[in-house]
Protein backbone atom coordinates (compact mmCIF):
# COMPACT_ATOMS: atom_id res chain seq x y z
CA MET A 1 -42.21 8.14 103.63
CA THR A 2 -38.98 9.75 104.82
CA LEU A 3 -36.85 7.53 102.59
CA ARG A 4 -39.04 8.34 99.59
CA GLY A 5 -38.71 12.03 100.31
CA SER A 6 -34.93 11.69 100.49
CA THR A 7 -34.87 9.95 97.14
CA SER A 8 -36.93 12.66 95.49
CA GLY A 9 -34.72 15.34 97.06
CA ARG A 10 -31.66 13.57 95.74
CA GLY A 11 -33.26 13.43 92.29
CA ARG A 12 -33.95 17.15 92.36
CA SER A 13 -30.34 17.82 93.33
CA LEU A 14 -29.07 15.71 90.47
CA ARG A 15 -31.39 17.44 88.02
CA ILE A 16 -29.99 20.83 89.10
CA VAL A 17 -26.26 20.10 89.38
CA VAL A 18 -25.61 17.59 86.59
CA PRO A 19 -26.78 19.95 83.79
CA ALA A 20 -24.56 22.64 85.25
CA VAL A 21 -21.57 20.27 85.14
CA ILE A 22 -22.36 19.34 81.53
CA ALA A 23 -22.66 23.01 80.59
CA GLY A 24 -19.32 23.76 82.20
CA LEU A 25 -17.63 20.95 80.27
CA GLY A 26 -19.23 22.26 77.06
CA ILE A 27 -17.80 25.72 77.63
CA LEU A 28 -14.41 24.16 78.38
CA SER A 29 -14.42 22.28 75.05
CA SER A 30 -15.24 25.50 73.19
CA TYR A 31 -12.23 27.26 74.73
CA VAL A 32 -9.97 24.34 73.82
CA ALA A 33 -11.24 24.47 70.23
CA ALA A 34 -10.66 28.23 70.10
CA GLY A 35 -7.10 27.72 71.32
CA ALA A 36 -6.48 25.15 68.61
CA ALA A 37 -7.78 27.57 65.98
CA GLU A 38 -5.32 30.24 67.15
CA THR A 39 -2.37 27.94 66.42
CA THR A 40 -3.15 27.85 62.70
CA SER A 41 -3.98 31.53 62.28
CA THR A 42 -0.30 32.50 62.08
CA THR A 43 0.48 30.32 59.06
CA THR A 44 1.79 32.41 56.16
CA GLN A 45 3.34 31.71 52.77
CA ALA A 46 7.03 32.16 52.12
CA VAL A 47 8.47 32.42 48.61
CA SER A 48 11.78 30.69 47.99
CA ILE A 49 14.39 31.88 45.51
CA GLY A 50 16.70 28.89 45.95
CA SER A 51 20.01 28.42 47.79
CA GLY A 52 18.15 28.17 51.12
CA LEU A 53 16.65 31.65 50.85
CA ALA A 54 12.91 32.24 51.36
CA PHE A 55 11.00 35.41 52.20
CA SER A 56 7.60 36.16 53.71
CA GLY A 57 7.40 39.95 53.46
CA ALA A 58 9.13 43.29 53.93
CA VAL A 59 8.53 46.87 55.08
CA ILE A 60 10.04 49.88 53.31
CA THR A 61 10.71 53.09 55.22
CA GLY A 62 12.32 56.25 53.94
CA PRO A 63 12.47 60.04 54.11
CA HIS A 64 9.21 61.98 53.86
CA VAL A 65 7.11 58.94 52.91
CA ALA A 66 4.83 56.56 54.79
CA SER A 67 6.08 53.01 55.31
CA ARG A 68 5.14 50.63 52.52
CA PRO A 69 4.82 46.83 52.80
CA LEU A 70 5.92 44.20 50.32
CA ASN A 71 4.15 40.85 50.37
CA ALA A 72 5.97 37.51 50.29
CA TYR A 73 6.18 37.39 46.50
CA GLN A 74 7.32 41.02 46.13
CA SER A 75 9.96 40.67 48.85
CA ALA A 76 11.32 37.51 47.17
CA VAL A 77 11.48 39.29 43.80
CA PHE A 78 13.28 42.24 45.39
CA MET A 79 15.89 39.99 46.99
CA GLN A 80 16.32 37.89 43.86
CA ALA A 81 16.93 41.03 41.79
CA TRP A 82 20.27 41.77 43.44
CA ILE A 83 21.50 39.16 45.92
CA GLY A 84 22.95 36.77 43.34
CA ASP A 85 24.92 39.56 41.71
CA ALA A 86 26.15 40.77 45.09
CA PHE A 87 27.55 37.43 46.23
CA TYR A 88 28.43 35.65 43.00
CA GLY A 89 29.02 38.49 40.56
CA ARG A 90 31.41 41.42 40.52
CA PRO A 91 29.36 44.40 41.69
CA ASN A 92 30.77 47.87 41.13
CA HIS A 93 31.29 49.52 44.52
CA GLU A 94 31.02 53.30 44.57
CA SER A 95 30.03 56.18 46.81
CA LEU A 96 26.43 57.23 46.82
CA PRO A 97 25.78 60.51 44.96
CA ALA A 98 24.69 63.48 47.04
CA ARG A 99 21.03 64.12 47.74
CA VAL A 100 19.91 60.66 46.63
CA PRO A 101 17.22 59.43 49.06
CA VAL A 102 18.03 56.30 51.04
CA TYR A 103 15.38 53.75 51.95
CA ARG A 104 15.52 50.96 54.47
CA VAL A 105 13.89 47.64 53.52
CA ASP A 106 13.37 45.33 56.51
CA VAL A 107 13.02 41.88 54.98
CA MET A 108 11.59 38.90 56.87
CA GLY A 109 13.28 35.76 55.60
CA SER A 110 14.96 32.44 56.13
CA TRP A 111 18.58 33.15 55.37
CA GLY A 112 20.16 29.72 55.72
CA GLY A 113 17.66 27.12 54.60
CA GLY A 114 16.13 26.52 58.04
CA THR A 115 12.65 27.11 59.41
CA ASP A 116 13.58 30.14 61.52
CA PHE A 117 12.65 33.49 60.01
CA SER A 118 14.30 36.76 61.02
CA VAL A 119 14.47 40.34 59.79
CA ARG A 120 17.49 41.79 58.02
CA ALA A 121 17.85 45.33 56.76
CA VAL A 122 18.67 46.13 53.14
CA TYR A 123 19.40 49.73 52.10
CA TYR A 124 18.22 50.99 48.72
CA ALA A 125 18.90 54.27 46.95
CA SER A 126 17.98 55.47 43.49
CA ASP A 127 18.02 58.59 41.36
CA GLY A 128 15.30 57.19 39.12
CA LYS A 129 17.72 55.88 36.50
CA GLN A 130 20.16 53.88 38.57
CA ALA A 131 19.89 52.10 41.91
CA TRP A 132 22.37 51.26 44.65
CA ILE A 133 22.19 48.56 47.30
CA ALA A 134 23.92 48.17 50.66
CA PHE A 135 23.58 45.04 52.80
CA PRO A 136 25.43 45.52 56.08
CA SER A 137 26.09 42.85 58.66
CA PRO A 138 23.39 42.50 61.36
CA GLN A 139 26.07 43.22 63.97
CA ILE A 140 26.45 46.82 62.80
CA THR A 141 22.84 47.46 61.76
CA PRO A 142 20.81 49.59 64.20
CA SER A 143 17.17 48.77 64.94
CA THR A 144 16.14 51.89 63.00
CA GLY A 145 17.91 54.16 60.55
CA SER A 146 21.21 53.17 59.01
CA PRO A 147 24.83 52.64 60.09
CA ALA A 148 27.21 55.60 59.94
CA ARG A 149 28.90 54.12 56.88
CA LEU A 150 27.48 51.86 54.20
CA ASP A 151 29.24 49.95 51.45
CA TRP A 152 27.18 50.79 48.34
CA TRP A 153 27.32 49.00 45.03
CA VAL A 154 25.51 49.55 41.74
CA ALA A 155 22.41 47.38 41.60
CA PRO A 156 21.20 45.51 38.50
CA PRO A 157 18.55 47.48 36.55
CA ARG A 158 15.72 45.14 37.57
CA VAL A 159 16.07 46.25 41.20
CA ILE A 160 14.22 49.53 40.52
CA GLU A 161 11.15 47.70 39.27
CA ALA A 162 11.42 45.16 42.11
CA PHE A 163 11.56 47.94 44.70
CA VAL A 164 8.32 49.39 43.32
CA GLY A 165 6.75 45.93 43.54
CA THR A 166 5.98 45.34 39.86
CA ALA A 167 8.82 42.99 38.83
CA LYS A 168 8.26 39.26 38.31
CA LEU A 169 10.04 36.34 39.91
CA VAL A 170 12.51 34.70 37.53
CA PRO A 171 11.92 30.91 37.58
CA THR A 172 15.13 29.20 38.64
CA LEU A 173 16.04 26.05 40.51
CA GLY A 174 14.55 26.28 44.00
CA THR A 175 11.99 29.02 43.43
CA GLY A 176 8.50 28.38 44.76
CA THR A 177 6.04 28.90 47.59
CA SER A 178 6.07 27.05 50.88
CA PRO A 179 4.21 27.42 54.21
CA SER A 180 5.97 29.11 57.11
CA THR A 181 4.34 28.91 60.55
CA SER A 182 5.26 31.19 63.42
CA THR A 183 5.47 29.51 66.85
CA VAL A 184 4.42 32.68 68.65
CA GLY A 185 0.74 32.14 68.02
CA ARG A 186 1.03 28.46 68.95
CA ASP A 187 2.67 29.18 72.29
CA ALA A 188 0.21 31.97 73.06
CA ALA A 189 -2.71 29.66 72.30
CA LYS A 190 -1.33 27.00 74.65
CA HIS A 191 -1.05 29.47 77.51
CA THR A 192 -4.44 31.04 76.79
CA THR A 193 -6.23 27.72 76.60
CA GLY A 194 -4.57 26.46 79.78
CA ASP A 195 -5.31 29.61 81.75
CA VAL A 196 -8.98 29.64 80.80
CA ALA A 197 -9.56 25.88 81.01
CA TRP A 198 -8.30 25.27 84.53
CA PRO A 199 -11.08 27.19 86.36
CA TRP A 200 -13.72 25.17 84.50
CA ILE A 201 -11.98 21.90 85.23
CA VAL A 202 -11.75 22.71 88.93
CA GLY A 203 -15.33 23.93 89.00
CA SER A 204 -16.66 20.82 87.28
CA VAL A 205 -14.79 18.49 89.63
CA ALA A 206 -16.05 20.46 92.64
CA ALA A 207 -19.64 20.23 91.38
CA VAL A 208 -19.40 16.46 90.94
CA ALA A 209 -17.93 16.15 94.43
CA ALA A 210 -20.77 18.24 95.81
CA VAL A 211 -23.34 15.93 94.24
CA GLY A 212 -21.61 12.88 95.73
CA GLY A 213 -21.47 14.49 99.16
CA LEU A 214 -25.14 15.46 99.02
CA ILE A 215 -26.18 11.93 98.08
CA GLY A 216 -24.09 10.43 100.87
CA TRP A 217 -25.53 12.85 103.42
CA ARG A 218 -29.09 12.04 102.30
CA ARG A 219 -28.44 8.32 102.65
CA ARG A 220 -26.98 8.69 106.16
CA SER A 221 -29.94 10.88 107.17
CA ALA A 222 -32.37 8.29 105.81
CA ARG A 223 -30.71 5.50 107.74
CA ARG A 224 -30.90 7.44 111.00
CA THR A 225 -34.56 8.11 110.42
């Protein structure tokens, strides 16, 4: 009778603890799945303009106006409108006229054909009829505002429309859209998943060990009886 009672007690223990272990493992799997989903949520589209240049967006700031974003396509059009002329043409350098508002365009892009994206500042000014561009070296560009001196040149006419966000991308060799994934979200998801998962792993192992210990104790008690 005692041995039968021990067996039924062991059965009750298993019926209580085993579902709890299964539930814990189920919650663990849901956290792992959530972490995996976070790694793909940072994927964005970058628009290439050729020559190893691709852009995923920009933010325009200026005097007496709220900041205005450009999406990947608009930022690529803006860069395409002037960068070829600046580096391969013969831009006309001149001083900026007085009282012309200056805007800062922080462009997120791949500047050398790699997968790393970084922000570079472009300075834009216009009197409504003509536009000027300055593209200083990152070494002299402050985190906000503009350097004390800027080398301005006359921008091609299409730059005004591109700055507003209404110009179209000119199809050339290398233009197109490609995915660009940030590793920040991926790393954060790894840490988040690991931090949350470990307590459930430890708890599940401890619960299984408790069941084994309980069964062993019941068996020893039954033998003594």
